Amino acid sequence: MVLAIDGSEKGIEGIIEKKGVSYSGAELEGLKFDIRQDNTSTKFIFKEISGIID
């Protein structure tokens, strides 16, 4: 399975850049996303986030 993340420039680039390290247990407020899947891949399409509570 291949997982791709699209739209990360809209607020979650820090999480992706650090591969989630130091975000363990954090709450993502107002997270909105779509998932598109076919036989070969799954895409997580990030829409928006209102905040990150550590």
PDB file of N, CA and C in Angstrom:
ATOM      1  N   MET A   1       0.848  -1.179   0.000  1.00  0.00           N
ATOM      2  CA  MET A   1       0.000   0.000   0.000  1.00  0.00           C
ATOM      3  C   MET A   1       0.892   1.240   0.000  1.00  0.00           C
ATOM      4  N   VAL A   2       0.516   2.209  -0.791  1.00  0.00           N
ATOM      5  CA  VAL A   2       1.209   3.487  -0.859  1.00  0.00           C
ATOM      6  C   VAL A   2       0.280   4.539  -0.270  1.00  0.00           C
ATOM      7  N   LEU A   3       0.798   5.315   0.685  1.00  0.00           N
ATOM      8  CA  LEU A   3       0.022   6.399   1.293  1.00  0.00           C
ATOM      9  C   LEU A   3       0.662   7.717   0.911  1.00  0.00           C
ATOM     10  N   ALA A   4      -0.111   8.588   0.295  1.00  0.00           N
ATOM     11  CA  ALA A   4       0.376   9.912  -0.077  1.00  0.00           C
ATOM     12  C   ALA A   4      -0.436  10.959   0.675  1.00  0.00           C
ATOM     13  N   ILE A   5       0.209  12.053   1.058  1.00  0.00           N
ATOM     14  CA  ILE A   5      -0.473  13.135   1.754  1.00  0.00           C
ATOM     15  C   ILE A   5      -0.424  14.366   0.863  1.00  0.00           C
ATOM     16  N   ASP A   6      -1.593  14.851   0.460  1.00  0.00           N
ATOM     17  CA  ASP A   6      -1.694  16.047  -0.377  1.00  0.00           C
ATOM     18  C   ASP A   6      -2.251  17.194   0.454  1.00  0.00           C
ATOM     19  N   GLY A   7      -1.839  18.405   0.134  1.00  0.00           N
ATOM     20  CA  GLY A   7      -2.374  19.594   0.791  1.00  0.00           C
ATOM     21  C   GLY A   7      -1.687  19.938   2.097  1.00  0.00           C
ATOM     22  N   SER A   8      -0.521  19.365   2.356  1.00  0.00           N
ATOM     23  CA  SER A   8       0.148  19.573   3.640  1.00  0.00           C
ATOM     24  C   SER A   8       0.645  21.002   3.837  1.00  0.00           C
ATOM     25  N   GLU A   9       0.694  21.781   2.791  1.00  0.00           N
ATOM     26  CA  GLU A   9       1.156  23.161   2.924  1.00  0.00           C
ATOM     27  C   GLU A   9       0.134  24.041   3.636  1.00  0.00           C
ATOM     28  N   LYS A  10      -1.002  23.490   4.016  1.00  0.00           N
ATOM     29  CA  LYS A  10      -2.081  24.272   4.617  1.00  0.00           C
ATOM     30  C   LYS A  10      -2.111  24.204   6.145  1.00  0.00           C
ATOM     31  N   GLY A  11      -1.026  23.763   6.778  1.00  0.00           N
ATOM     32  CA  GLY A  11      -1.021  23.811   8.231  1.00  0.00           C
ATOM     33  C   GLY A  11      -0.437  22.617   8.955  1.00  0.00           C
ATOM     34  N   ILE A  12      -0.196  21.522   8.261  1.00  0.00           N
ATOM     35  CA  ILE A  12       0.372  20.356   8.945  1.00  0.00           C
ATOM     36  C   ILE A  12       1.783  20.037   8.465  1.00  0.00           C
ATOM     37  N   GLU A  13       2.406  20.989   7.779  1.00  0.00           N
ATOM     38  CA  GLU A  13       3.742  20.731   7.257  1.00  0.00           C
ATOM     39  C   GLU A  13       4.745  20.435   8.372  1.00  0.00           C
ATOM     40  N   GLY A  14       4.579  21.063   9.546  1.00  0.00           N
ATOM     41  CA  GLY A  14       5.485  20.807  10.669  1.00  0.00           C
ATOM     42  C   GLY A  14       5.393  19.377  11.168  1.00  0.00           C
ATOM     43  N   ILE A  15       4.181  18.853  11.238  1.00  0.00           N
ATOM     44  CA  ILE A  15       3.976  17.470  11.675  1.00  0.00           C
ATOM     45  C   ILE A  15       4.626  16.507  10.693  1.00  0.00           C
ATOM     46  N   ILE A  16       4.439  16.747   9.414  1.00  0.00           N
ATOM     47  CA  ILE A  16       5.000  15.872   8.389  1.00  0.00           C
ATOM     48  C   ILE A  16       6.524  15.964   8.378  1.00  0.00           C
ATOM     49  N   GLU A  17       7.044  17.178   8.470  1.00  0.00           N
ATOM     50  CA  GLU A  17       8.493  17.386   8.451  1.00  0.00           C
ATOM     51  C   GLU A  17       9.177  16.652   9.602  1.00  0.00           C
ATOM     52  N   LYS A  18       8.557  16.670  10.783  1.00  0.00           N
ATOM     53  CA  LYS A  18       9.147  16.027  11.965  1.00  0.00           C
ATOM     54  C   LYS A  18       8.687  14.581  12.132  1.00  0.00           C
ATOM     55  N   LYS A  19       7.918  14.084  11.146  1.00  0.00           N
ATOM     56  CA  LYS A  19       7.405  12.711  11.142  1.00  0.00           C
ATOM     57  C   LYS A  19       6.617  12.391  12.405  1.00  0.00           C
ATOM     58  N   GLY A  20       5.942  13.409  12.946  1.00  0.00           N
ATOM     59  CA  GLY A  20       5.089  13.221  14.116  1.00  0.00           C
ATOM     60  C   GLY A  20       5.815  13.252  15.447  1.00  0.00           C
ATOM     61  N   VAL A  21       7.152  13.261  15.432  1.00  0.00           N
ATOM     62  CA  VAL A  21       7.917  13.295  16.681  1.00  0.00           C
ATOM     63  C   VAL A  21       7.587  14.592  17.416  1.00  0.00           C
ATOM     64  N   SER A  22       7.340  14.511  18.696  1.00  0.00           N
ATOM     65  CA  SER A  22       6.954  15.590  19.616  1.00  0.00           C
ATOM     66  C   SER A  22       5.478  15.969  19.485  1.00  0.00           C
ATOM     67  N   TYR A  23       4.735  15.336  18.605  1.00  0.00           N
ATOM     68  CA  TYR A  23       3.302  15.581  18.487  1.00  0.00           C
ATOM     69  C   TYR A  23       2.480  14.440  19.092  1.00  0.00           C
ATOM     70  N   SER A  24       3.138  13.472  19.704  1.00  0.00           N
ATOM     71  CA  SER A  24       2.445  12.336  20.303  1.00  0.00           C
ATOM     72  C   SER A  24       1.458  12.827  21.357  1.00  0.00           C
ATOM     73  N   GLY A  25       0.220  12.430  21.231  1.00  0.00           N
ATOM     74  CA  GLY A  25      -0.818  12.836  22.177  1.00  0.00           C
ATOM     75  C   GLY A  25      -1.443  14.184  21.879  1.00  0.00           C
ATOM     76  N   ALA A  26      -0.955  14.892  20.878  1.00  0.00           N
ATOM     77  CA  ALA A  26      -1.519  16.196  20.533  1.00  0.00           C
ATOM     78  C   ALA A  26      -2.905  16.014  19.916  1.00  0.00           C
ATOM     79  N   GLU A  27      -3.748  17.008  20.120  1.00  0.00           N
ATOM     80  CA  GLU A  27      -5.088  16.996  19.551  1.00  0.00           C
ATOM     81  C   GLU A  27      -5.134  17.950  18.371  1.00  0.00           C
ATOM     82  N   LEU A  28      -5.658  17.483  17.256  1.00  0.00           N
ATOM     83  CA  LEU A  28      -5.794  18.306  16.052  1.00  0.00           C
ATOM     84  C   LEU A  28      -7.219  18.841  16.009  1.00  0.00           C
ATOM     85  N   GLU A  29      -7.382  20.108  16.331  1.00  0.00           N
ATOM     86  CA  GLU A  29      -8.716  20.718  16.358  1.00  0.00           C
ATOM     87  C   GLU A  29      -9.189  21.050  14.951  1.00  0.00           C
ATOM     88  N   GLY A  30     -10.440  20.725  14.676  1.00  0.00           N
ATOM     89  CA  GLY A  30     -11.044  21.099  13.403  1.00  0.00           C
ATOM     90  C   GLY A  30     -10.397  20.461  12.194  1.00  0.00           C
ATOM     91  N   LEU A  31      -9.834  19.276  12.365  1.00  0.00           N
ATOM     92  CA  LEU A  31      -9.183  18.587  11.245  1.00  0.00           C
ATOM     93  C   LEU A  31     -10.228  18.169  10.211  1.00  0.00           C
ATOM     94  N   LYS A  32     -10.003  18.574   8.980  1.00  0.00           N
ATOM     95  CA  LYS A  32     -10.889  18.190   7.876  1.00  0.00           C
ATOM     96  C   LYS A  32     -10.041  17.608   6.763  1.00  0.00           C
ATOM     97  N   PHE A  33     -10.466  16.449   6.241  1.00  0.00           N
ATOM     98  CA  PHE A  33      -9.694  15.778   5.205  1.00  0.00           C
ATOM     99  C   PHE A  33     -10.589  14.872   4.379  1.00  0.00           C
ATOM    100  N   ASP A  34     -10.091  14.469   3.233  1.00  0.00           N
ATOM    101  CA  ASP A  34     -10.724  13.458   2.382  1.00  0.00           C
ATOM    102  C   ASP A  34      -9.750  12.308   2.239  1.00  0.00           C
ATOM    103  N   ILE A  35     -10.272  11.141   1.917  1.00  0.00           N
ATOM    104  CA  ILE A  35      -9.431   9.985   1.598  1.00  0.00           C
ATOM    105  C   ILE A  35      -9.866   9.474   0.237  1.00  0.00           C
ATOM    106  N   ARG A  36      -8.911   9.329  -0.656  1.00  0.00           N
ATOM    107  CA  ARG A  36      -9.173   8.765  -1.984  1.00  0.00           C
ATOM    108  C   ARG A  36      -8.352   7.494  -2.107  1.00  0.00           C
ATOM    109  N   GLN A  37      -9.005   6.432  -2.527  1.00  0.00           N
ATOM    110  CA  GLN A  37      -8.327   5.138  -2.573  1.00  0.00           C
ATOM    111  C   GLN A  37      -8.678   4.413  -3.868  1.00  0.00           C
ATOM    112  N   ASP A  38      -7.654   3.750  -4.436  1.00  0.00           N
ATOM    113  CA  ASP A  38      -7.894   2.849  -5.554  1.00  0.00           C
ATOM    114  C   ASP A  38      -7.128   1.562  -5.268  1.00  0.00           C
ATOM    115  N   ASN A  39      -6.968   0.724  -6.268  1.00  0.00           N
ATOM    116  CA  ASN A  39      -6.328  -0.578  -6.056  1.00  0.00           C
ATOM    117  C   ASN A  39      -4.852  -0.489  -5.682  1.00  0.00           C
ATOM    118  N   THR A  40      -4.190   0.603  -6.011  1.00  0.00           N
ATOM    119  CA  THR A  40      -2.743   0.683  -5.786  1.00  0.00           C
ATOM    120  C   THR A  40      -2.309   1.729  -4.764  1.00  0.00           C
ATOM    121  N   SER A  41      -3.172   2.671  -4.418  1.00  0.00           N
ATOM    122  CA  SER A  41      -2.734   3.735  -3.513  1.00  0.00           C
ATOM    123  C   SER A  41      -3.878   4.291  -2.675  1.00  0.00           C
ATOM    124  N   THR A  42      -3.488   4.936  -1.604  1.00  0.00           N
ATOM    125  CA  THR A  42      -4.417   5.654  -0.738  1.00  0.00           C
ATOM    126  C   THR A  42      -3.880   7.068  -0.584  1.00  0.00           C
ATOM    127  N   LYS A  43      -4.723   8.074  -0.803  1.00  0.00           N
ATOM    128  CA  LYS A  43      -4.314   9.465  -0.643  1.00  0.00           C
ATOM    129  C   LYS A  43      -5.104  10.095   0.498  1.00  0.00           C
ATOM    130  N   PHE A  44      -4.376  10.680   1.448  1.00  0.00           N
ATOM    131  CA  PHE A  44      -4.944  11.483   2.517  1.00  0.00           C
ATOM    132  C   PHE A  44      -4.868  12.914   2.014  1.00  0.00           C
ATOM    133  N   ILE A  45      -6.018  13.531   1.790  1.00  0.00           N
ATOM    134  CA  ILE A  45      -6.050  14.882   1.237  1.00  0.00           C
ATOM    135  C   ILE A  45      -6.464  15.843   2.340  1.00  0.00           C
ATOM    136  N   PHE A  46      -5.477  16.571   2.858  1.00  0.00           N
ATOM    137  CA  PHE A  46      -5.677  17.501   3.949  1.00  0.00           C
ATOM    138  C   PHE A  46      -6.443  18.723   3.466  1.00  0.00           C
ATOM    139  N   LYS A  47      -7.471  19.121   4.218  1.00  0.00           N
ATOM    140  CA  LYS A  47      -8.271  20.291   3.861  1.00  0.00           C
ATOM    141  C   LYS A  47      -7.945  21.491   4.765  1.00  0.00           C
ATOM    142  N   GLU A  48      -8.075  21.302   6.083  1.00  0.00           N
ATOM    143  CA  GLU A  48      -7.796  22.411   6.996  1.00  0.00           C
ATOM    144  C   GLU A  48      -7.666  21.914   8.434  1.00  0.00           C
ATOM    145  N   ILE A  49      -7.119  22.781   9.268  1.00  0.00           N
ATOM    146  CA  ILE A  49      -6.995  22.523  10.700  1.00  0.00           C
ATOM    147  C   ILE A  49      -7.104  23.874  11.405  1.00  0.00           C
ATOM    148  N   SER A  50      -7.813  23.901  12.538  1.00  0.00           N
ATOM    149  CA  SER A  50      -7.948  25.174  13.240  1.00  0.00           C
ATOM    150  C   SER A  50      -6.912  25.335  14.346  1.00  0.00           C
ATOM    151  N   GLY A  51      -6.309  24.227  14.783  1.00  0.00           N
ATOM    152  CA  GLY A  51      -5.280  24.340  15.814  1.00  0.00           C
ATOM    153  C   GLY A  51      -4.725  23.012  16.235  1.00  0.00           C
ATOM    154  N   ILE A  52      -3.578  23.075  16.935  1.00  0.00           N
ATOM    155  CA  ILE A  52      -2.943  21.893  17.497  1.00  0.00           C
ATOM    156  C   ILE A  52      -2.780  22.138  18.992  1.00  0.00           C
ATOM    157  N   ILE A  53      -3.380  21.260  19.810  1.00  0.00           N
ATOM    158  CA  ILE A  53      -3.268  21.364  21.257  1.00  0.00           C
ATOM    159  C   ILE A  53      -2.281  20.311  21.722  1.00  0.00           C
ATOM    160  N   ASP A  54      -1.213  20.774  22.340  1.00  0.00           N
ATOM    161  CA  ASP A  54      -0.150  19.871  22.790  1.00  0.00           C
ATOM    162  C   ASP A  54      -0.442  19.289  24.152  1.00  0.00           C
TER     163      ASP A  54
END
